[in-house]
């Protein structure tokens, strides 16, 4: 009987040792995981086309509203990755607190108001989108597409281009 108990105990200890060894070694992998690009990713050449196609609109805006400006209107906004990641976490939490589910972000063009010190330049700002949590299935909530979460804070105050009128690439 002692031999059978020792055998069973040995098997259990062996299984536990293999379990912990396998789980601990999974995190030790030196290979980077393959990350698939999200839908909507565009190439640098496509970026150049989009930027160049905006030139005519930019010229009209700049020539009419910023003709006496030293820098011209802003063409881009820059955000730190950390700020965007923190904003997404914040927007998710705020959506939950307001009874919503965050499912995306919308970018809007805007303009800062003019002040005595400087002209208000064009900006891009993020607005959270999603749907209200209801007792109905979320399929019905998403039927009309994502809507702006009107009770959610946006993200602005990215840095302007260098100089503000700089085209892609900077």
C-alpha atoms as a PDB file:
ATOM      1  CA  UNK A   1       0.000   0.000   0.000  1.00  0.00           C
ATOM      2  CA  UNK A   2       2.915   2.369   0.769  1.00  0.00           C
ATOM      3  CA  UNK A   3       4.298   1.790  -2.719  1.00  0.00           C
ATOM      4  CA  UNK A   4       0.991   2.707  -4.395  1.00  0.00           C
ATOM      5  CA  UNK A   5       0.630   5.864  -2.260  1.00  0.00           C
ATOM      6  CA  UNK A   6       4.224   6.849  -3.085  1.00  0.00           C
ATOM      7  CA  UNK A   7       3.590   6.192  -6.781  1.00  0.00           C
ATOM      8  CA  UNK A   8       0.397   8.313  -6.810  1.00  0.00           C
ATOM      9  CA  UNK A   9       2.136  11.100  -4.874  1.00  0.00           C
ATOM     10  CA  UNK A  10       5.052  10.962  -7.339  1.00  0.00           C
ATOM     11  CA  UNK A  11       2.681  11.203 -10.318  1.00  0.00           C
ATOM     12  CA  UNK A  12       0.843  14.172  -8.765  1.00  0.00           C
ATOM     13  CA  UNK A  13       4.114  15.963  -7.982  1.00  0.00           C
ATOM     14  CA  UNK A  14       5.369  15.247 -11.499  1.00  0.00           C
ATOM     15  CA  UNK A  15       2.195  16.662 -13.051  1.00  0.00           C
ATOM     16  CA  UNK A  16       2.414  19.773 -10.875  1.00  0.00           C
ATOM     17  CA  UNK A  17       6.088  20.252 -11.728  1.00  0.00           C
ATOM     18  CA  UNK A  18       5.378  19.935 -15.461  1.00  0.00           C
ATOM     19  CA  UNK A  19       2.419  22.351 -15.160  1.00  0.00           C
ATOM     20  CA  UNK A  20       4.491  25.055 -13.456  1.00  0.00           C
ATOM     21  CA  UNK A  21       7.462  24.478 -15.757  1.00  0.00           C
ATOM     22  CA  UNK A  22       5.290  24.770 -18.882  1.00  0.00           C
ATOM     23  CA  UNK A  23       3.425  27.886 -17.682  1.00  0.00           C
ATOM     24  CA  UNK A  24       6.584  29.695 -16.574  1.00  0.00           C
ATOM     25  CA  UNK A  25       8.462  28.927 -19.801  1.00  0.00           C
ATOM     26  CA  UNK A  26       5.652  30.236 -22.019  1.00  0.00           C
ATOM     27  CA  UNK A  27       6.427  33.792 -20.934  1.00  0.00           C
ATOM     28  CA  UNK A  28      10.153  33.330 -21.601  1.00  0.00           C
ATOM     29  CA  UNK A  29       9.725  33.213 -25.382  1.00  0.00           C
ATOM     30  CA  UNK A  30      12.129  35.498 -27.222  1.00  0.00           C
ATOM     31  CA  UNK A  31      10.039  35.592 -30.387  1.00  0.00           C
ATOM     32  CA  UNK A  32       7.870  38.642 -30.885  1.00  0.00           C
ATOM     33  CA  UNK A  33       4.233  37.797 -31.550  1.00  0.00           C
ATOM     34  CA  UNK A  34       3.014  38.521 -35.049  1.00  0.00           C
ATOM     35  CA  UNK A  35       0.671  41.486 -34.969  1.00  0.00           C
ATOM     36  CA  UNK A  36      -1.789  41.774 -37.824  1.00  0.00           C
ATOM     37  CA  UNK A  37      -2.429  45.278 -39.117  1.00  0.00           C
ATOM     38  CA  UNK A  38      -5.884  46.654 -38.327  1.00  0.00           C
ATOM     39  CA  UNK A  39      -8.313  47.456 -41.108  1.00  0.00           C
ATOM     40  CA  UNK A  40      -7.674  50.839 -42.665  1.00  0.00           C
ATOM     41  CA  UNK A  41      -3.869  50.758 -42.516  1.00  0.00           C
ATOM     42  CA  UNK A  42      -2.426  52.656 -45.482  1.00  0.00           C
ATOM     43  CA  UNK A  43       1.048  52.711 -46.987  1.00  0.00           C
ATOM     44  CA  UNK A  44       3.428  55.702 -46.909  1.00  0.00           C
ATOM     45  CA  UNK A  45       2.672  56.266 -50.607  1.00  0.00           C
ATOM     46  CA  UNK A  46      -1.065  56.422 -49.858  1.00  0.00           C
ATOM     47  CA  UNK A  47      -0.344  58.836 -47.006  1.00  0.00           C
ATOM     48  CA  UNK A  48       1.517  61.099 -49.441  1.00  0.00           C
ATOM     49  CA  UNK A  49      -1.428  61.047 -51.880  1.00  0.00           C
ATOM     50  CA  UNK A  50      -3.925  61.987 -49.156  1.00  0.00           C
ATOM     51  CA  UNK A  51      -1.662  64.754 -47.891  1.00  0.00           C
ATOM     52  CA  UNK A  52      -1.078  66.150 -51.402  1.00  0.00           C
ATOM     53  CA  UNK A  53      -4.808  66.030 -52.193  1.00  0.00           C
ATOM     54  CA  UNK A  54      -5.413  68.284 -49.189  1.00  0.00           C
ATOM     55  CA  UNK A  55      -3.030  70.958 -50.513  1.00  0.00           C
ATOM     56  CA  UNK A  56      -5.685  72.835 -52.502  1.00  0.00           C
ATOM     57  CA  UNK A  57      -8.041  73.012 -49.510  1.00  0.00           C
ATOM     58  CA  UNK A  58      -5.209  74.060 -47.237  1.00  0.00           C
ATOM     59  CA  UNK A  59      -4.191  76.820 -49.653  1.00  0.00           C
ATOM     60  CA  UNK A  60      -7.757  78.183 -49.769  1.00  0.00           C
ATOM     61  CA  UNK A  61      -8.023  78.195 -45.965  1.00  0.00           C
ATOM     62  CA  UNK A  62      -4.541  79.574 -45.463  1.00  0.00           C
ATOM     63  CA  UNK A  63      -4.783  82.279 -48.124  1.00  0.00           C
ATOM     64  CA  UNK A  64      -8.155  83.532 -46.878  1.00  0.00           C
ATOM     65  CA  UNK A  65      -7.868  83.221 -43.095  1.00  0.00           C
ATOM     66  CA  UNK A  66      -4.120  83.273 -42.447  1.00  0.00           C
ATOM     67  CA  UNK A  67      -2.766  85.543 -45.196  1.00  0.00           C
ATOM     68  CA  UNK A  68      -1.013  87.812 -42.674  1.00  0.00           C
ATOM     69  CA  UNK A  69       0.133  84.984 -40.401  1.00  0.00           C
ATOM     70  CA  UNK A  70       3.797  84.181 -39.845  1.00  0.00           C
ATOM     71  CA  UNK A  71       3.240  80.429 -39.660  1.00  0.00           C
ATOM     72  CA  UNK A  72       0.039  79.676 -41.573  1.00  0.00           C
ATOM     73  CA  UNK A  73      -2.643  77.345 -40.317  1.00  0.00           C
ATOM     74  CA  UNK A  74      -1.880  74.006 -38.734  1.00  0.00           C
ATOM     75  CA  UNK A  75      -1.946  70.864 -40.905  1.00  0.00           C
ATOM     76  CA  UNK A  76      -1.346  68.167 -38.333  1.00  0.00           C
ATOM     77  CA  UNK A  77      -1.631  67.238 -34.669  1.00  0.00           C
ATOM     78  CA  UNK A  78       0.868  65.058 -32.798  1.00  0.00           C
ATOM     79  CA  UNK A  79      -0.005  63.010 -29.706  1.00  0.00           C
ATOM     80  CA  UNK A  80       2.263  60.939 -27.489  1.00  0.00           C
ATOM     81  CA  UNK A  81       1.442  57.213 -27.612  1.00  0.00           C
ATOM     82  CA  UNK A  82       1.194  57.245 -23.810  1.00  0.00           C
ATOM     83  CA  UNK A  83      -1.443  60.001 -23.953  1.00  0.00           C
ATOM     84  CA  UNK A  84      -3.509  58.086 -26.513  1.00  0.00           C
ATOM     85  CA  UNK A  85      -3.265  54.817 -24.544  1.00  0.00           C
ATOM     86  CA  UNK A  86      -4.192  56.617 -21.313  1.00  0.00           C
ATOM     87  CA  UNK A  87      -7.069  58.379 -23.053  1.00  0.00           C
ATOM     88  CA  UNK A  88      -8.464  55.081 -24.370  1.00  0.00           C
ATOM     89  CA  UNK A  89      -8.342  53.557 -20.877  1.00  0.00           C
ATOM     90  CA  UNK A  90      -9.944  56.708 -19.430  1.00  0.00           C
ATOM     91  CA  UNK A  91     -12.657  56.796 -22.125  1.00  0.00           C
ATOM     92  CA  UNK A  92     -13.487  53.107 -21.540  1.00  0.00           C
ATOM     93  CA  UNK A  93     -13.828  53.700 -17.802  1.00  0.00           C
ATOM     94  CA  UNK A  94     -15.898  56.852 -18.303  1.00  0.00           C
ATOM     95  CA  UNK A  95     -18.181  55.035 -20.760  1.00  0.00           C
ATOM     96  CA  UNK A  96     -18.778  52.236 -18.229  1.00  0.00           C
ATOM     97  CA  UNK A  97     -19.519  54.769 -15.481  1.00  0.00           C
ATOM     98  CA  UNK A  98     -22.055  56.456 -17.794  1.00  0.00           C
ATOM     99  CA  UNK A  99     -23.755  53.161 -18.733  1.00  0.00           C
ATOM    100  CA  UNK A 100     -22.181  52.920 -22.198  1.00  0.00           C
ATOM    101  CA  UNK A 101     -19.759  50.696 -24.067  1.00  0.00           C
ATOM    102  CA  UNK A 102     -16.847  52.353 -25.870  1.00  0.00           C
ATOM    103  CA  UNK A 103     -16.319  50.846 -29.307  1.00  0.00           C
ATOM    104  CA  UNK A 104     -14.233  53.428 -31.133  1.00  0.00           C
ATOM    105  CA  UNK A 105     -12.893  56.931 -31.471  1.00  0.00           C
ATOM    106  CA  UNK A 106     -13.873  59.596 -33.977  1.00  0.00           C
ATOM    107  CA  UNK A 107     -11.491  62.344 -35.099  1.00  0.00           C
ATOM    108  CA  UNK A 108     -12.915  65.796 -35.703  1.00  0.00           C
ATOM    109  CA  UNK A 109     -11.309  68.830 -37.270  1.00  0.00           C
ATOM    110  CA  UNK A 110     -11.647  71.886 -35.066  1.00  0.00           C
ATOM    111  CA  UNK A 111     -10.034  75.254 -34.466  1.00  0.00           C
ATOM    112  CA  UNK A 112      -8.825  76.869 -31.281  1.00  0.00           C
ATOM    113  CA  UNK A 113     -10.225  80.343 -30.661  1.00  0.00           C
ATOM    114  CA  UNK A 114      -8.040  83.342 -31.424  1.00  0.00           C
ATOM    115  CA  UNK A 115      -6.494  85.018 -28.390  1.00  0.00           C
ATOM    116  CA  UNK A 116      -4.615  88.272 -27.901  1.00  0.00           C
ATOM    117  CA  UNK A 117      -1.349  86.291 -27.949  1.00  0.00           C
ATOM    118  CA  UNK A 118      -1.929  84.052 -30.985  1.00  0.00           C
ATOM    119  CA  UNK A 119      -4.222  82.991 -33.781  1.00  0.00           C
ATOM    120  CA  UNK A 120      -6.326  79.902 -33.218  1.00  0.00           C
ATOM    121  CA  UNK A 121      -4.991  77.114 -35.406  1.00  0.00           C
ATOM    122  CA  UNK A 122      -6.729  74.034 -36.767  1.00  0.00           C
ATOM    123  CA  UNK A 123      -6.629  70.999 -34.504  1.00  0.00           C
ATOM    124  CA  UNK A 124      -7.710  67.375 -34.588  1.00  0.00           C
ATOM    125  CA  UNK A 125      -9.446  66.009 -31.517  1.00  0.00           C
ATOM    126  CA  UNK A 126     -10.686  62.590 -30.458  1.00  0.00           C
ATOM    127  CA  UNK A 127     -14.257  61.896 -29.351  1.00  0.00           C
ATOM    128  CA  UNK A 128     -15.349  58.544 -27.865  1.00  0.00           C
ATOM    129  CA  UNK A 129     -17.979  56.536 -29.732  1.00  0.00           C
ATOM    130  CA  UNK A 130     -20.087  53.618 -28.621  1.00  0.00           C
ATOM    131  CA  UNK A 131     -23.534  52.619 -27.516  1.00  0.00           C
ATOM    132  CA  UNK A 132     -25.704  52.665 -24.453  1.00  0.00           C
ATOM    133  CA  UNK A 133     -25.804  49.482 -22.426  1.00  0.00           C
ATOM    134  CA  UNK A 134     -29.383  48.230 -22.477  1.00  0.00           C
ATOM    135  CA  UNK A 135     -31.122  45.007 -21.668  1.00  0.00           C
ATOM    136  CA  UNK A 136     -31.439  44.418 -25.421  1.00  0.00           C
ATOM    137  CA  UNK A 137     -28.789  42.580 -27.332  1.00  0.00           C
ATOM    138  CA  UNK A 138     -25.851  44.752 -28.376  1.00  0.00           C
ATOM    139  CA  UNK A 139     -26.518  43.744 -32.002  1.00  0.00           C
ATOM    140  CA  UNK A 140     -29.526  46.048 -31.976  1.00  0.00           C
ATOM    141  CA  UNK A 141     -27.541  48.823 -30.304  1.00  0.00           C
ATOM    142  CA  UNK A 142     -24.908  48.769 -33.060  1.00  0.00           C
ATOM    143  CA  UNK A 143     -27.382  48.532 -35.922  1.00  0.00           C
ATOM    144  CA  UNK A 144     -27.176  52.246 -36.735  1.00  0.00           C
ATOM    145  CA  UNK A 145     -23.396  52.424 -36.312  1.00  0.00           C
ATOM    146  CA  UNK A 146     -21.331  54.009 -33.587  1.00  0.00           C
ATOM    147  CA  UNK A 147     -22.533  57.294 -32.197  1.00  0.00           C
ATOM    148  CA  UNK A 148     -20.570  59.922 -30.337  1.00  0.00           C
ATOM    149  CA  UNK A 149     -20.845  59.421 -26.586  1.00  0.00           C
ATOM    150  CA  UNK A 150     -22.096  62.905 -25.754  1.00  0.00           C
ATOM    151  CA  UNK A 151     -21.312  62.504 -22.057  1.00  0.00           C
ATOM    152  CA  UNK A 152     -17.728  61.384 -22.773  1.00  0.00           C
ATOM    153  CA  UNK A 153     -14.682  63.663 -22.613  1.00  0.00           C
ATOM    154  CA  UNK A 154     -12.620  64.180 -25.766  1.00  0.00           C
ATOM    155  CA  UNK A 155      -8.857  64.422 -26.244  1.00  0.00           C
ATOM    156  CA  UNK A 156      -7.210  67.517 -27.729  1.00  0.00           C
ATOM    157  CA  UNK A 157      -4.071  69.550 -27.215  1.00  0.00           C
ATOM    158  CA  UNK A 158      -1.787  67.540 -29.444  1.00  0.00           C
ATOM    159  CA  UNK A 159       1.311  69.367 -30.642  1.00  0.00           C
ATOM    160  CA  UNK A 160       1.131  71.225 -33.939  1.00  0.00           C
ATOM    161  CA  UNK A 161       3.318  70.468 -36.930  1.00  0.00           C
ATOM    162  CA  UNK A 162       6.852  71.859 -37.262  1.00  0.00           C
ATOM    163  CA  UNK A 163       6.195  74.367 -38.733  1.00  0.00           C
ATOM    164  CA  UNK A 164       2.406  74.245 -38.470  1.00  0.00           C
ATOM    165  CA  UNK A 165       2.067  74.454 -42.263  1.00  0.00           C
ATOM    166  CA  UNK A 166       4.407  71.467 -42.886  1.00  0.00           C
ATOM    167  CA  UNK A 167       3.106  68.788 -45.228  1.00  0.00           C
ATOM    168  CA  UNK A 168       3.763  65.034 -44.884  1.00  0.00           C
ATOM    169  CA  UNK A 169       6.413  63.862 -44.115  1.00  0.00           C
ATOM    170  CA  UNK A 170       7.736  66.132 -41.381  1.00  0.00           C
END
